[in-house]
N, C-alpha and C. Protein backbone atom coordinates (compact mmCIF):
# COMPACT_ATOMS: atom_id res chain seq x y z
N MET A 1 29.60 10.00 19.68
CA MET A 1 28.65 10.50 20.64
C MET A 1 28.76 9.74 21.96
N VAL A 2 28.79 8.44 21.89
CA VAL A 2 28.93 7.65 23.11
C VAL A 2 30.30 7.90 23.74
N GLU A 3 31.30 8.15 22.90
CA GLU A 3 32.64 8.43 23.41
C GLU A 3 32.69 9.73 24.21
N ASP A 4 31.81 10.67 23.88
CA ASP A 4 31.77 11.95 24.58
C ASP A 4 31.35 11.82 26.04
N THR A 5 30.73 10.72 26.40
CA THR A 5 30.31 10.53 27.80
C THR A 5 31.49 10.17 28.69
N HIS A 6 32.55 9.63 28.11
CA HIS A 6 33.74 9.19 28.84
C HIS A 6 33.41 8.09 29.86
N ILE A 7 32.33 7.37 29.61
CA ILE A 7 31.97 6.26 30.49
C ILE A 7 32.76 5.03 30.04
N THR A 8 33.47 4.42 30.98
CA THR A 8 34.25 3.23 30.64
C THR A 8 33.66 1.97 31.25
N ASP A 9 32.83 2.11 32.26
CA ASP A 9 32.21 0.96 32.91
C ASP A 9 31.08 0.44 32.02
N PRO A 10 31.18 -0.81 31.54
CA PRO A 10 30.16 -1.34 30.63
C PRO A 10 28.75 -1.35 31.25
N GLU A 11 28.67 -1.56 32.54
CA GLU A 11 27.36 -1.59 33.20
C GLU A 11 26.71 -0.20 33.17
N LYS A 12 27.50 0.83 33.44
CA LYS A 12 26.97 2.19 33.41
C LYS A 12 26.61 2.61 31.99
N LEU A 13 27.42 2.20 31.03
CA LEU A 13 27.14 2.50 29.63
C LEU A 13 25.85 1.81 29.19
N GLY A 14 25.66 0.58 29.61
CA GLY A 14 24.43 -0.14 29.31
C GLY A 14 23.21 0.56 29.90
N THR A 15 23.34 1.04 31.13
CA THR A 15 22.25 1.76 31.76
C THR A 15 21.92 3.03 30.99
N LEU A 16 22.95 3.77 30.56
CA LEU A 16 22.74 4.97 29.78
C LEU A 16 22.00 4.67 28.48
N LEU A 17 22.39 3.61 27.79
CA LEU A 17 21.74 3.25 26.53
C LEU A 17 20.29 2.84 26.74
N VAL A 18 20.00 2.17 27.84
CA VAL A 18 18.61 1.80 28.15
C VAL A 18 17.78 3.06 28.39
N VAL A 19 18.31 4.01 29.15
CA VAL A 19 17.59 5.25 29.42
C VAL A 19 17.33 6.02 28.11
N ILE A 20 18.32 6.06 27.23
CA ILE A 20 18.14 6.73 25.94
C ILE A 20 17.08 6.03 25.11
N ALA A 21 17.10 4.70 25.09
CA ALA A 21 16.11 3.95 24.32
C ALA A 21 14.70 4.21 24.85
N LEU A 22 14.54 4.24 26.16
CA LEU A 22 13.23 4.53 26.75
C LEU A 22 12.77 5.94 26.41
N ALA A 23 13.68 6.91 26.44
CA ALA A 23 13.32 8.29 26.12
C ALA A 23 12.87 8.42 24.67
N VAL A 24 13.58 7.77 23.77
CA VAL A 24 13.21 7.83 22.35
C VAL A 24 11.86 7.15 22.14
N THR A 25 11.64 6.02 22.78
CA THR A 25 10.37 5.31 22.66
C THR A 25 9.22 6.16 23.19
N TRP A 26 9.43 6.80 24.33
CA TRP A 26 8.39 7.63 24.93
C TRP A 26 8.07 8.82 24.03
N ALA A 27 9.08 9.45 23.46
CA ALA A 27 8.85 10.57 22.54
C ALA A 27 8.09 10.10 21.30
N TYR A 28 8.43 8.93 20.80
CA TYR A 28 7.72 8.37 19.63
C TYR A 28 6.26 8.10 19.97
N ARG A 29 6.01 7.56 21.16
CA ARG A 29 4.64 7.28 21.57
C ARG A 29 3.84 8.57 21.71
N CYS A 30 4.46 9.64 22.20
CA CYS A 30 3.78 10.93 22.31
C CYS A 30 3.46 11.48 20.92
N ALA A 31 4.39 11.36 20.00
CA ALA A 31 4.16 11.82 18.63
C ALA A 31 3.02 11.04 17.99
N THR A 32 2.99 9.74 18.20
CA THR A 32 1.93 8.91 17.65
C THR A 32 0.59 9.27 18.29
N ARG A 33 0.61 9.59 19.56
CA ARG A 33 -0.61 9.99 20.26
C ARG A 33 -1.17 11.28 19.66
N ILE A 34 -0.31 12.20 19.29
CA ILE A 34 -0.74 13.48 18.72
C ILE A 34 -1.17 13.34 17.27
N MET A 35 -0.33 12.68 16.47
CA MET A 35 -0.51 12.69 15.03
C MET A 35 -1.22 11.47 14.47
N GLY A 36 -1.33 10.42 15.26
CA GLY A 36 -1.91 9.20 14.72
C GLY A 36 -0.98 8.62 13.67
N ARG A 37 -1.52 8.27 12.53
CA ARG A 37 -0.72 7.69 11.46
C ARG A 37 -0.43 8.70 10.34
N LYS A 38 -0.72 9.98 10.57
CA LYS A 38 -0.47 11.00 9.55
C LYS A 38 1.03 11.21 9.38
N ASN A 39 1.39 11.62 8.21
CA ASN A 39 2.78 12.00 7.95
C ASN A 39 3.00 13.44 8.37
N ILE A 40 4.22 13.77 8.68
CA ILE A 40 4.57 15.16 8.99
C ILE A 40 4.66 15.91 7.67
N ARG A 41 4.08 17.11 7.66
CA ARG A 41 4.07 17.90 6.43
C ARG A 41 5.48 18.20 5.94
N ARG A 42 5.58 18.35 4.63
CA ARG A 42 6.85 18.71 4.02
C ARG A 42 6.82 20.19 3.64
N LYS A 43 7.96 20.82 3.77
CA LYS A 43 8.08 22.22 3.35
C LYS A 43 8.32 22.28 1.86
N ALA A 44 8.41 23.48 1.32
CA ALA A 44 8.56 23.66 -0.13
C ALA A 44 9.84 23.02 -0.66
N HIS A 45 10.91 22.98 0.13
CA HIS A 45 12.16 22.40 -0.33
C HIS A 45 12.21 20.88 -0.17
N GLY A 46 11.14 20.28 0.37
CA GLY A 46 11.03 18.83 0.44
C GLY A 46 11.32 18.20 1.79
N ARG A 47 11.92 18.95 2.70
CA ARG A 47 12.20 18.39 4.02
C ARG A 47 10.97 18.51 4.91
N ARG A 48 10.91 17.66 5.89
CA ARG A 48 9.77 17.70 6.81
C ARG A 48 9.91 18.87 7.77
N GLU A 49 8.75 19.35 8.28
CA GLU A 49 8.76 20.47 9.22
C GLU A 49 9.51 20.12 10.49
N LYS A 50 9.20 18.95 11.04
CA LYS A 50 9.84 18.45 12.25
C LYS A 50 10.01 16.96 12.11
N SER A 51 10.91 16.40 12.89
CA SER A 51 11.04 14.95 12.91
C SER A 51 10.00 14.38 13.86
N TRP A 52 9.77 13.08 13.77
CA TRP A 52 8.85 12.41 14.70
C TRP A 52 9.36 12.60 16.13
N PHE A 53 10.67 12.46 16.31
CA PHE A 53 11.22 12.60 17.65
C PHE A 53 10.97 14.01 18.19
N ARG A 54 11.22 15.03 17.39
CA ARG A 54 11.04 16.41 17.86
C ARG A 54 9.57 16.68 18.19
N THR A 55 8.66 16.19 17.37
CA THR A 55 7.24 16.36 17.62
C THR A 55 6.86 15.72 18.95
N GLY A 56 7.30 14.49 19.16
CA GLY A 56 6.98 13.79 20.40
C GLY A 56 7.68 14.39 21.60
N PHE A 57 8.93 14.81 21.44
CA PHE A 57 9.68 15.39 22.54
C PHE A 57 9.05 16.70 23.00
N ASP A 58 8.64 17.54 22.04
CA ASP A 58 7.97 18.79 22.40
C ASP A 58 6.67 18.52 23.16
N ALA A 59 5.90 17.55 22.70
CA ALA A 59 4.65 17.20 23.38
C ALA A 59 4.94 16.64 24.77
N LEU A 60 5.91 15.76 24.88
CA LEU A 60 6.26 15.16 26.17
C LEU A 60 6.68 16.23 27.17
N ARG A 61 7.52 17.13 26.74
CA ARG A 61 7.98 18.20 27.61
C ARG A 61 6.82 19.08 28.07
N ASN A 62 5.93 19.41 27.16
CA ASN A 62 4.76 20.22 27.49
C ASN A 62 3.84 19.48 28.45
N TRP A 63 3.59 18.21 28.18
CA TRP A 63 2.69 17.43 29.04
C TRP A 63 3.27 17.23 30.44
N ILE A 64 4.57 17.02 30.54
CA ILE A 64 5.18 16.85 31.86
C ILE A 64 4.95 18.11 32.70
N MET A 65 5.07 19.26 32.07
CA MET A 65 4.91 20.53 32.80
C MET A 65 3.45 20.84 33.12
N HIS A 66 2.54 20.55 32.18
CA HIS A 66 1.17 21.05 32.31
C HIS A 66 0.08 19.99 32.42
N LYS A 67 0.31 18.81 31.87
CA LYS A 67 -0.74 17.77 31.85
C LYS A 67 -0.13 16.40 32.12
N PRO A 68 0.26 16.12 33.36
CA PRO A 68 0.92 14.84 33.67
C PRO A 68 0.08 13.61 33.34
N ASP A 69 -1.24 13.73 33.37
CA ASP A 69 -2.09 12.59 33.05
C ASP A 69 -1.91 12.15 31.59
N LYS A 70 -1.65 13.09 30.68
CA LYS A 70 -1.42 12.74 29.28
C LYS A 70 -0.11 11.99 29.08
N VAL A 71 0.88 12.30 29.92
CA VAL A 71 2.17 11.62 29.82
C VAL A 71 2.00 10.13 30.09
N VAL A 72 1.28 9.82 31.15
CA VAL A 72 1.04 8.42 31.51
C VAL A 72 0.17 7.76 30.45
N ALA A 73 -0.84 8.46 29.95
CA ALA A 73 -1.71 7.89 28.93
C ALA A 73 -0.94 7.57 27.65
N ALA A 74 0.00 8.44 27.28
CA ALA A 74 0.79 8.18 26.07
C ALA A 74 1.64 6.94 26.22
N TRP A 75 2.14 6.69 27.42
CA TRP A 75 2.98 5.52 27.64
C TRP A 75 2.16 4.23 27.70
N THR A 76 0.97 4.29 28.31
CA THR A 76 0.20 3.07 28.55
C THR A 76 -0.78 2.74 27.43
N HIS A 77 -1.04 3.68 26.53
CA HIS A 77 -2.01 3.44 25.46
C HIS A 77 -1.49 2.38 24.50
N ARG A 78 -2.37 1.47 24.13
CA ARG A 78 -1.99 0.42 23.17
C ARG A 78 -2.36 0.88 21.77
N TYR A 79 -1.43 0.79 20.87
CA TYR A 79 -1.64 1.22 19.50
C TYR A 79 -1.83 0.00 18.62
N PRO A 80 -2.73 0.08 17.64
CA PRO A 80 -2.90 -1.06 16.74
C PRO A 80 -1.67 -1.20 15.84
N ARG A 81 -1.36 -2.42 15.52
CA ARG A 81 -0.21 -2.66 14.63
C ARG A 81 -0.58 -2.28 13.22
N GLN A 82 0.41 -1.76 12.51
CA GLN A 82 0.21 -1.39 11.12
C GLN A 82 0.64 -2.58 10.27
N PRO A 83 -0.21 -2.97 9.31
CA PRO A 83 0.17 -4.11 8.47
C PRO A 83 1.41 -3.78 7.65
N LEU A 84 2.22 -4.79 7.39
CA LEU A 84 3.42 -4.61 6.58
C LEU A 84 3.04 -4.35 5.13
N ARG A 85 3.75 -3.44 4.52
CA ARG A 85 3.53 -3.15 3.10
C ARG A 85 4.44 -4.04 2.28
N PRO A 86 3.95 -4.54 1.15
CA PRO A 86 4.83 -5.35 0.30
C PRO A 86 5.93 -4.49 -0.30
N LEU A 87 7.09 -5.09 -0.52
CA LEU A 87 8.20 -4.37 -1.13
C LEU A 87 7.88 -4.05 -2.58
N GLN A 88 8.25 -2.85 -2.99
CA GLN A 88 8.02 -2.45 -4.37
C GLN A 88 9.31 -2.63 -5.16
N SER A 89 9.18 -3.14 -6.35
CA SER A 89 10.37 -3.31 -7.18
C SER A 89 10.75 -1.98 -7.80
N VAL A 90 12.04 -1.80 -7.98
CA VAL A 90 12.56 -0.51 -8.48
C VAL A 90 12.65 -0.52 -9.96
């Protein structure tokens, strides 16, 4: 995937990776803003309806077009940390 960009300059490649990381983080924050800590429903065959990224990306795209104030709120909102779950033995 990174090879498909044909970018050879390490500085430009680094910039691209930072932009991608920010976009994924922003989409995740939008998904968390919409769904809270709920899980995405599973269909009858066991797969989820949408991924977290798709849920957040759809919301982000909609908010950018229609509700810019929600876009900023999703980025600046502080979320409580979730406590770590102990590992379960198999």
